C-alpha atoms as a PDB file:
ATOM      1  CA  MET A   1      25.518  -3.412  -6.584  1.00  0.00           C
ATOM      2  CA  THR A   2      26.052  -0.967  -9.757  1.00  0.00           C
ATOM      3  CA  ARG A   3      23.051   0.705 -11.273  1.00  0.00           C
ATOM      4  CA  SER A   4      23.103   0.621 -14.720  1.00  0.00           C
ATOM      5  CA  PRO A   5      21.041   2.530 -17.023  1.00  0.00           C
ATOM      6  CA  SER A   6      17.835   1.279 -18.050  1.00  0.00           C
ATOM      7  CA  ARG A   7      17.485   2.223 -22.035  1.00  0.00           C
ATOM      8  CA  ARG A   8      20.677   2.464 -24.485  1.00  0.00           C
ATOM      9  CA  ARG A   9      20.044   1.024 -27.871  1.00  0.00           C
ATOM     10  CA  LEU A  10      20.561  -2.114 -28.611  1.00  0.00           C
ATOM     11  CA  GLY A  11      23.129  -2.006 -31.040  1.00  0.00           C
ATOM     12  CA  ARG A  12      25.478  -0.971 -28.128  1.00  0.00           C
ATOM     13  CA  ARG A  13      24.539  -4.030 -25.967  1.00  0.00           C
ATOM     14  CA  ALA A  14      24.882  -6.228 -29.267  1.00  0.00           C
ATOM     15  CA  ALA A  15      28.783  -4.893 -29.614  1.00  0.00           C
ATOM     16  CA  LEU A  16      29.772  -5.132 -26.044  1.00  0.00           C
ATOM     17  CA  VAL A  17      28.002  -8.903 -26.570  1.00  0.00           C
ATOM     18  CA  GLY A  18      29.996  -9.452 -29.334  1.00  0.00           C
ATOM     19  CA  GLY A  19      33.257  -7.948 -27.903  1.00  0.00           C
ATOM     20  CA  LEU A  20      33.044 -10.191 -24.753  1.00  0.00           C
ATOM     21  CA  ALA A  21      34.405 -13.170 -26.709  1.00  0.00           C
ATOM     22  CA  VAL A  22      37.253 -10.631 -28.551  1.00  0.00           C
ATOM     23  CA  ALA A  23      38.354  -9.231 -24.655  1.00  0.00           C
ATOM     24  CA  ALA A  24      38.886 -12.976 -23.150  1.00  0.00           C
ATOM     25  CA  THR A  25      40.666 -14.504 -25.790  1.00  0.00           C
ATOM     26  CA  ALA A  26      43.313 -11.435 -24.846  1.00  0.00           C
ATOM     27  CA  LEU A  27      43.675 -12.740 -21.472  1.00  0.00           C
ATOM     28  CA  THR A  28      47.002 -14.426 -20.788  1.00  0.00           C
ATOM     29  CA  ALA A  29      44.517 -16.484 -18.335  1.00  0.00           C
ATOM     30  CA  PRO A  30      44.752 -20.476 -19.021  1.00  0.00           C
ATOM     31  CA  ALA A  31      42.001 -22.208 -20.576  1.00  0.00           C
ATOM     32  CA  HIS A  32      39.283 -22.931 -18.743  1.00  0.00           C
ATOM     33  CA  ALA A  33      35.930 -25.148 -19.062  1.00  0.00           C
ATOM     34  CA  ALA A  34      33.179 -24.001 -20.274  1.00  0.00           C
ATOM     35  CA  PRO A  35      31.312 -21.525 -17.709  1.00  0.00           C
ATOM     36  CA  SER A  36      28.497 -22.934 -16.029  1.00  0.00           C
ATOM     37  CA  VAL A  37      25.469 -22.399 -13.388  1.00  0.00           C
ATOM     38  CA  SER A  38      24.003 -25.170 -11.160  1.00  0.00           C
ATOM     39  CA  ALA A  39      19.993 -23.324 -11.221  1.00  0.00           C
ATOM     40  CA  VAL A  40      19.022 -19.855 -12.147  1.00  0.00           C
ATOM     41  CA  THR A  41      16.402 -18.126 -10.832  1.00  0.00           C
ATOM     42  CA  LEU A  42      13.807 -15.799 -10.655  1.00  0.00           C
ATOM     43  CA  ASP A  43      12.204 -13.577  -7.807  1.00  0.00           C
ATOM     44  CA  ALA A  44       9.310 -11.689  -7.267  1.00  0.00           C
ATOM     45  CA  PRO A  45       6.404 -10.757  -5.261  1.00  0.00           C
ATOM     46  CA  SER A  46       3.114 -13.277  -5.009  1.00  0.00           C
ATOM     47  CA  SER A  47       0.993  -9.612  -4.931  1.00  0.00           C
ATOM     48  CA  VAL A  48       1.408  -6.192  -5.198  1.00  0.00           C
ATOM     49  CA  GLU A  49      -1.471  -3.642  -5.727  1.00  0.00           C
ATOM     50  CA  VAL A  50      -1.780  -1.152  -8.338  1.00  0.00           C
ATOM     51  CA  GLY A  51       0.471   1.592  -8.260  1.00  0.00           C
ATOM     52  CA  ALA A  52       3.493  -0.513  -6.004  1.00  0.00           C
ATOM     53  CA  PRO A  53       6.639  -1.402  -7.008  1.00  0.00           C
ATOM     54  CA  VAL A  54       7.351  -4.814  -8.408  1.00  0.00           C
ATOM     55  CA  THR A  55      11.033  -5.775  -8.058  1.00  0.00           C
ATOM     56  CA  VAL A  56      12.029  -8.857 -10.424  1.00  0.00           C
ATOM     57  CA  THR A  57      15.736 -10.295  -9.009  1.00  0.00           C
ATOM     58  CA  VAL A  58      17.514 -12.839 -11.668  1.00  0.00           C
ATOM     59  CA  ALA A  59      20.179 -15.280  -9.609  1.00  0.00           C
ATOM     60  CA  ALA A  60      22.234 -18.052 -10.251  1.00  0.00           C
ATOM     61  CA  THR A  61      23.351 -21.129  -7.678  1.00  0.00           C
ATOM     62  CA  GLY A  62      26.691 -23.023  -8.836  1.00  0.00           C
ATOM     63  CA  VAL A  63      28.405 -20.305 -10.921  1.00  0.00           C
ATOM     64  CA  VAL A  64      31.859 -21.322 -12.226  1.00  0.00           C
ATOM     65  CA  ASP A  65      34.314 -19.278 -14.255  1.00  0.00           C
ATOM     66  CA  LEU A  66      31.245 -16.736 -14.969  1.00  0.00           C
ATOM     67  CA  TYR A  67      33.430 -13.741 -16.717  1.00  0.00           C
ATOM     68  CA  ALA A  68      29.977 -12.155 -18.791  1.00  0.00           C
ATOM     69  CA  TYR A  69      26.515 -13.182 -19.632  1.00  0.00           C
ATOM     70  CA  ASP A  70      23.739 -11.867 -21.678  1.00  0.00           C
ATOM     71  CA  LEU A  71      20.517 -12.748 -20.630  1.00  0.00           C
ATOM     72  CA  ALA A  72      16.582 -11.231 -21.333  1.00  0.00           C
ATOM     73  CA  VAL A  73      13.562 -10.692 -18.639  1.00  0.00           C
ATOM     74  CA  SER A  74      10.472 -11.191 -20.384  1.00  0.00           C
ATOM     75  CA  TYR A  75       7.788  -9.134 -18.918  1.00  0.00           C
ATOM     76  CA  ASP A  76       3.617  -7.704 -20.006  1.00  0.00           C
ATOM     77  CA  PRO A  77       3.827  -4.725 -20.977  1.00  0.00           C
ATOM     78  CA  ASP A  78       0.343  -3.769 -20.268  1.00  0.00           C
ATOM     79  CA  LEU A  79       0.598  -4.584 -16.526  1.00  0.00           C
ATOM     80  CA  VAL A  80       3.701  -3.274 -15.729  1.00  0.00           C
ATOM     81  CA  GLU A  81       6.866  -0.732 -16.826  1.00  0.00           C
ATOM     82  CA  LEU A  82       9.723  -0.865 -16.224  1.00  0.00           C
ATOM     83  CA  VAL A  83      11.667   2.229 -13.998  1.00  0.00           C
ATOM     84  CA  GLU A  84      13.988   4.018 -15.678  1.00  0.00           C
ATOM     85  CA  ASP A  85      17.422   3.692 -14.107  1.00  0.00           C
ATOM     86  CA  SER A  86      16.100   0.744 -12.127  1.00  0.00           C
ATOM     87  CA  ALA A  87      18.435  -2.175 -12.743  1.00  0.00           C
ATOM     88  CA  VAL A  88      21.325  -3.503 -10.384  1.00  0.00           C
ATOM     89  CA  THR A  89      24.059  -5.677 -11.040  1.00  0.00           C
ATOM     90  CA  PRO A  90      26.958  -7.452  -9.778  1.00  0.00           C
ATOM     91  CA  ASP A  91      29.978  -4.714  -8.268  1.00  0.00           C
ATOM     92  CA  GLY A  92      32.898  -4.411 -10.815  1.00  0.00           C
ATOM     93  CA  GLY A  93      33.392  -4.651 -14.282  1.00  0.00           C
ATOM     94  CA  TYR A  94      30.581  -3.008 -16.944  1.00  0.00           C
ATOM     95  CA  SER A  95      26.751  -3.642 -17.833  1.00  0.00           C
ATOM     96  CA  ASP A  96      24.146  -2.394 -20.158  1.00  0.00           C
ATOM     97  CA  VAL A  97      20.676  -2.481 -19.542  1.00  0.00           C
ATOM     98  CA  ALA A  98      18.098  -2.399 -22.788  1.00  0.00           C
ATOM     99  CA  ASP A  99      14.401  -2.357 -22.343  1.00  0.00           C
ATOM    100  CA  ASP A 100      12.523  -2.720 -26.127  1.00  0.00           C
ATOM    101  CA  GLY A 101       9.088  -1.039 -23.725  1.00  0.00           C
ATOM    102  CA  ALA A 102       7.061  -3.894 -25.489  1.00  0.00           C
ATOM    103  CA  GLY A 103       8.292  -6.781 -23.007  1.00  0.00           C
ATOM    104  CA  THR A 104      11.580  -7.647 -22.874  1.00  0.00           C
ATOM    105  CA  VAL A 105      13.989  -6.037 -21.115  1.00  0.00           C
ATOM    106  CA  ALA A 106      17.977  -6.987 -22.111  1.00  0.00           C
ATOM    107  CA  VAL A 107      20.926  -7.386 -19.077  1.00  0.00           C
ATOM    108  CA  ALA A 108      24.638  -7.583 -20.485  1.00  0.00           C
ATOM    109  CA  HIS A 109      27.542  -7.676 -17.892  1.00  0.00           C
ATOM    110  CA  THR A 110      30.949  -8.013 -18.247  1.00  0.00           C
ATOM    111  CA  ARG A 111      34.156  -8.446 -16.169  1.00  0.00           C
ATOM    112  CA  LEU A 112      36.999  -6.205 -17.331  1.00  0.00           C
ATOM    113  CA  GLY A 113      40.934  -6.701 -17.812  1.00  0.00           C
ATOM    114  CA  THR A 114      42.323  -9.514 -16.068  1.00  0.00           C
ATOM    115  CA  SER A 115      39.658  -9.784 -13.338  1.00  0.00           C
ATOM    116  CA  PRO A 116      38.353 -13.243 -12.036  1.00  0.00           C
ATOM    117  CA  GLY A 117      35.270 -15.207 -13.633  1.00  0.00           C
ATOM    118  CA  LEU A 118      32.711 -14.945 -11.024  1.00  0.00           C
ATOM    119  CA  GLU A 119      32.086 -17.704  -9.153  1.00  0.00           C
ATOM    120  CA  GLY A 120      29.474 -18.958  -6.402  1.00  0.00           C
ATOM    121  CA  ASP A 121      25.976 -17.518  -5.967  1.00  0.00           C
ATOM    122  CA  VAL A 122      26.035 -14.413  -7.750  1.00  0.00           C
ATOM    123  CA  THR A 123      22.973 -12.163  -8.492  1.00  0.00           C
ATOM    124  CA  LEU A 124      22.818 -11.243 -11.724  1.00  0.00           C
ATOM    125  CA  ALA A 125      20.558  -8.768 -12.189  1.00  0.00           C
ATOM    126  CA  THR A 126      17.948  -6.877  -9.961  1.00  0.00           C
ATOM    127  CA  LEU A 127      15.112  -4.938 -11.940  1.00  0.00           C
ATOM    128  CA  THR A 128      12.037  -2.774 -10.166  1.00  0.00           C
ATOM    129  CA  PHE A 129       9.174  -2.186 -12.388  1.00  0.00           C
ATOM    130  CA  THR A 130       5.703  -0.358 -11.372  1.00  0.00           C
ATOM    131  CA  ALA A 131       2.082  -1.984 -11.525  1.00  0.00           C
ATOM    132  CA  VAL A 132       0.528  -0.162 -14.228  1.00  0.00           C
ATOM    133  CA  ALA A 133      -2.777  -2.710 -14.075  1.00  0.00           C
ATOM    134  CA  ASP A 134      -4.379  -5.071 -12.561  1.00  0.00           C
ATOM    135  CA  GLY A 135      -3.940  -9.181 -14.039  1.00  0.00           C
ATOM    136  CA  ASP A 136      -1.326 -11.722 -13.508  1.00  0.00           C
ATOM    137  CA  ALA A 137       1.692 -10.877 -14.580  1.00  0.00           C
ATOM    138  CA  PRO A 138       4.428 -13.130 -15.839  1.00  0.00           C
ATOM    139  CA  PHE A 139       8.156 -12.714 -15.473  1.00  0.00           C
ATOM    140  CA  THR A 140      10.288 -15.069 -17.635  1.00  0.00           C
ATOM    141  CA  VAL A 141      14.224 -15.741 -17.897  1.00  0.00           C
ATOM    142  CA  PRO A 142      13.589 -16.926 -21.267  1.00  0.00           C
ATOM    143  CA  THR A 143      17.655 -16.889 -22.438  1.00  0.00           C
ATOM    144  CA  ALA A 144      20.858 -16.597 -21.368  1.00  0.00           C
ATOM    145  CA  THR A 145      24.446 -16.511 -22.624  1.00  0.00           C
ATOM    146  CA  LEU A 146      27.240 -17.343 -20.778  1.00  0.00           C
ATOM    147  CA  VAL A 147      31.038 -16.246 -20.999  1.00  0.00           C
ATOM    148  CA  GLY A 148      33.995 -18.067 -19.667  1.00  0.00           C
ATOM    149  CA  ALA A 149      37.510 -15.624 -19.292  1.00  0.00           C
ATOM    150  CA  ASP A 150      39.081 -17.942 -22.304  1.00  0.00           C
ATOM    151  CA  ALA A 151      36.112 -16.808 -24.618  1.00  0.00           C
ATOM    152  CA  THR A 152      34.371 -20.504 -24.254  1.00  0.00           C
ATOM    153  CA  THR A 153      30.472 -19.757 -24.376  1.00  0.00           C
ATOM    154  CA  ALA A 154      27.043 -21.326 -23.051  1.00  0.00           C
ATOM    155  CA  SER A 155      23.859 -21.010 -23.932  1.00  0.00           C
ATOM    156  CA  LEU A 156      20.743 -21.502 -21.370  1.00  0.00           C
ATOM    157  CA  THR A 157      17.068 -21.524 -22.664  1.00  0.00           C
ATOM    158  CA  ASP A 158      14.274 -21.504 -21.007  1.00  0.00           C
ATOM    159  CA  LEU A 159      15.753 -20.568 -17.444  1.00  0.00           C
ATOM    160  CA  ALA A 160      13.293 -19.582 -14.617  1.00  0.00           C
ATOM    161  CA  SER A 161       9.298 -17.936 -14.151  1.00  0.00           C
ATOM    162  CA  ALA A 162       7.528 -16.333 -11.537  1.00  0.00           C
ATOM    163  CA  THR A 163       3.992 -14.281 -11.853  1.00  0.00           C
ATOM    164  CA  THR A 164       3.167 -11.752  -9.685  1.00  0.00           C
ATOM    165  CA  THR A 165      -0.779 -11.324  -9.253  1.00  0.00           C
ATOM    166  CA  ILE A 166      -1.764  -7.496  -9.501  1.00  0.00           C
ATOM    167  CA  THR A 167      -4.630  -6.511  -7.773  1.00  0.00           C
ATOM    168  CA  ALA A 168      -6.615  -2.696  -7.463  1.00  0.00           C
ATOM    169  CA  ALA A 169      -5.682  -0.353  -5.057  1.00  0.00           C
ATOM    170  CA  VAL A 170      -8.370  -0.600  -2.584  1.00  0.00           C
ATOM    171  CA  THR A 171      -9.794   2.534  -1.750  1.00  0.00           C
ATOM    172  CA  ALA A 172     -10.557   3.148   2.509  1.00  0.00           C
ATOM    173  CA  PRO A 173     -14.604   4.003   3.195  1.00  0.00           C
ATOM    174  CA  PRO A 174     -14.747   7.325   4.698  1.00  0.00           C
ATOM    175  CA  THR A 175     -14.500   7.926   8.314  1.00  0.00           C
ATOM    176  CA  ASP A 176     -17.275   9.578  10.127  1.00  0.00           C
ATOM    177  CA  ASP A 177     -16.280  13.229  11.269  1.00  0.00           C
ATOM    178  CA  PRO A 178     -16.242  13.502  14.788  1.00  0.00           C
ATOM    179  CA  THR A 179     -18.259  16.833  15.027  1.00  0.00           C
ATOM    180  CA  ASP A 180     -21.244  15.483  13.233  1.00  0.00           C
ATOM    181  CA  GLY A 181     -22.991  12.161  12.122  1.00  0.00           C
ATOM    182  CA  ALA A 182     -23.357   9.284  14.786  1.00  0.00           C
ATOM    183  CA  THR A 183     -20.962  11.044  17.359  1.00  0.00           C
ATOM    184  CA  SER A 184     -22.511  14.789  17.802  1.00  0.00           C
ATOM    185  CA  PRO A 185     -25.850  13.627  18.587  1.00  0.00           C
ATOM    186  CA  THR A 186     -25.364  12.426  21.826  1.00  0.00           C
ATOM    187  CA  PRO A 187     -23.360  15.485  23.363  1.00  0.00           C
ATOM    188  CA  GLY A 188     -26.265  17.520  21.181  1.00  0.00           C
ATOM    189  CA  GLY A 189     -29.317  15.976  22.170  1.00  0.00           C
ATOM    190  CA  ASP A 190     -28.062  15.742  26.085  1.00  0.00           C
ATOM    191  CA  ASP A 191     -27.782  19.549  25.616  1.00  0.00           C
ATOM    192  CA  THR A 192     -30.494  20.577  23.310  1.00  0.00           C
ATOM    193  CA  THR A 193     -32.479  18.121  25.748  1.00  0.00           C
ATOM    194  CA  ALA A 194     -31.865  19.683  28.943  1.00  0.00           C
ATOM    195  CA  PRO A 195     -32.637  23.176  28.175  1.00  0.00           C
ATOM    196  CA  GLY A 196     -35.984  21.281  26.172  1.00  0.00           C
ATOM    197  CA  ALA A 197     -36.931  19.794  29.619  1.00  0.00           C
ATOM    198  CA  ASP A 198     -36.142  22.753  31.616  1.00  0.00           C
ATOM    199  CA  ASP A 199     -38.649  24.918  29.360  1.00  0.00           C
ATOM    200  CA  ALA A 200     -41.177  22.015  29.423  1.00  0.00           C
ATOM    201  CA  SER A 201     -40.737  21.717  33.352  1.00  0.00           C
ATOM    202  CA  ASP A 202     -40.859  25.489  33.491  1.00  0.00           C
ATOM    203  CA  SER A 203     -43.921  25.923  31.199  1.00  0.00           C
ATOM    204  CA  PRO A 204     -46.818  24.576  33.224  1.00  0.00           C
ATOM    205  CA  SER A 205     -45.154  26.253  35.850  1.00  0.00           C
ATOM    206  CA  THR A 206     -45.400  29.519  34.744  1.00  0.00           C
ATOM    207  CA  SER A 207     -48.710  28.780  33.325  1.00  0.00           C
ATOM    208  CA  THR A 208     -49.878  27.741  36.646  1.00  0.00           C
ATOM    209  CA  GLY A 209     -48.228  30.462  38.065  1.00  0.00           C
ATOM    210  CA  SER A 210     -50.071  33.392  35.650  1.00  0.00           C
ATOM    211  CA  GLY A 211     -53.690  31.573  36.455  1.00  0.00           C
ATOM    212  CA  SER A 212     -52.753  32.060  39.982  1.00  0.00           C
ATOM    213  CA  LEU A 213     -52.159  35.659  39.895  1.00  0.00           C
ATOM    214  CA  ALA A 214     -55.399  35.734  37.546  1.00  0.00           C
ATOM    215  CA  SER A 215     -56.987  34.022  39.926  1.00  0.00           C
ATOM    216  CA  THR A 216     -55.942  36.141  42.891  1.00  0.00           C
ATOM    217  CA  GLY A 217     -56.845  38.993  41.075  1.00  0.00           C
ATOM    218  CA  ALA A 218     -60.171  38.604  40.687  1.00  0.00           C
ATOM    219  CA  SER A 219     -60.491  37.186  43.900  1.00  0.00           C
ATOM    220  CA  VAL A 220     -59.134  41.099  45.372  1.00  0.00           C
ATOM    221  CA  ALA A 221     -61.733  42.716  42.678  1.00  0.00           C
ATOM    222  CA  TRP A 222     -64.402  40.858  44.078  1.00  0.00           C
ATOM    223  CA  PHE A 223     -63.621  41.196  47.414  1.00  0.00           C
ATOM    224  CA  ALA A 224     -63.233  45.610  46.741  1.00  0.00           C
ATOM    225  CA  GLY A 225     -66.386  45.121  44.924  1.00  0.00           C
ATOM    226  CA  ALA A 226     -67.935  44.011  47.504  1.00  0.00           C
ATOM    227  CA  ALA A 227     -66.741  45.718  50.617  1.00  0.00           C
ATOM    228  CA  LEU A 228     -67.248  48.789  48.428  1.00  0.00           C
ATOM    229  CA  LEU A 229     -70.977  47.595  48.003  1.00  0.00           C
ATOM    230  CA  ALA A 230     -71.639  47.172  51.887  1.00  0.00           C
ATOM    231  CA  VAL A 231     -69.722  50.849  52.249  1.00  0.00           C
ATOM    232  CA  VAL A 232     -72.812  52.253  49.793  1.00  0.00           C
ATOM    233  CA  VAL A 233     -75.338  49.920  51.292  1.00  0.00           C
ATOM    234  CA  GLY A 234     -74.215  50.940  54.861  1.00  0.00           C
ATOM    235  CA  ALA A 235     -74.625  54.513  53.941  1.00  0.00           C
ATOM    236  CA  GLY A 236     -77.316  54.620  52.420  1.00  0.00           C
ATOM    237  CA  ILE A 237     -79.287  52.819  55.467  1.00  0.00           C
ATOM    238  CA  LEU A 238     -77.657  54.883  57.699  1.00  0.00           C
ATOM    239  CA  TRP A 239     -78.797  58.149  55.947  1.00  0.00           C
ATOM    240  CA  ALA A 240     -82.612  56.628  55.776  1.00  0.00           C
ATOM    241  CA  ARG A 241     -82.634  56.265  59.657  1.00  0.00           C
ATOM    242  CA  ARG A 242     -81.584  59.916  59.397  1.00  0.00           C
ATOM    243  CA  ARG A 243     -84.119  60.735  57.633  1.00  0.00           C
ATOM    244  CA  ALA A 244     -87.029  59.011  59.178  1.00  0.00           C
ATOM    245  CA  VAL A 245     -84.989  60.727  62.859  1.00  0.00           C
ATOM    246  CA  VAL A 246     -85.348  63.937  60.981  1.00  0.00           C
ATOM    247  CA  SER A 247     -89.477  63.637  59.908  1.00  0.00           C
ATOM    248  CA  ARG A 248     -90.353  62.751  63.542  1.00  0.00           C
END
């Protein structure tokens, strides 16, 4: 397939199409019947998101002696934009593609010299647009002019149409950070609970231990005091007894 420049002056295209007949009459080939096609189809995706490419293909079946052609593709400029230099036309020959920016792309193609006309099933043009807004984007082929090798022409109207539904791009919801949110409490909780539980279990034990030590200390002091008192009392009694003996 041959890629063609997408923005040319309409005057150049008109000159190209006007010269097709002149070039064809110069050929030495015998006269042919008028060029014809069985059907023209326009294929476009059923739906895309905003920002996605929209590839539109215009094809013809049952083509007979198609030496040149000129066709138009209409679109909604509020919903799609033609991608510059995206047009693809048949190999061999010369093509010109012009986008008026207001909703019509004109595609002209011609064979050269003594090349035979196209026959059979032919892809006439492939255009790539970009979806710029949501809505139902219509595409149509309103007119086409066919030129045979002997300069015979045929004009066709209302050839094909298709609609692409453009939807707003879907934004994925933010995902939870594995380091926080609902995923972190489990390990974090376990870590915090474990020391907490140890501290809670140790605290009563420590408190009890301190109470026991304090109680033990108090008991020892009491016994020591009692023992000291007993010694003092015993010493007093002993001294009193000695005084009594001496006095006798």
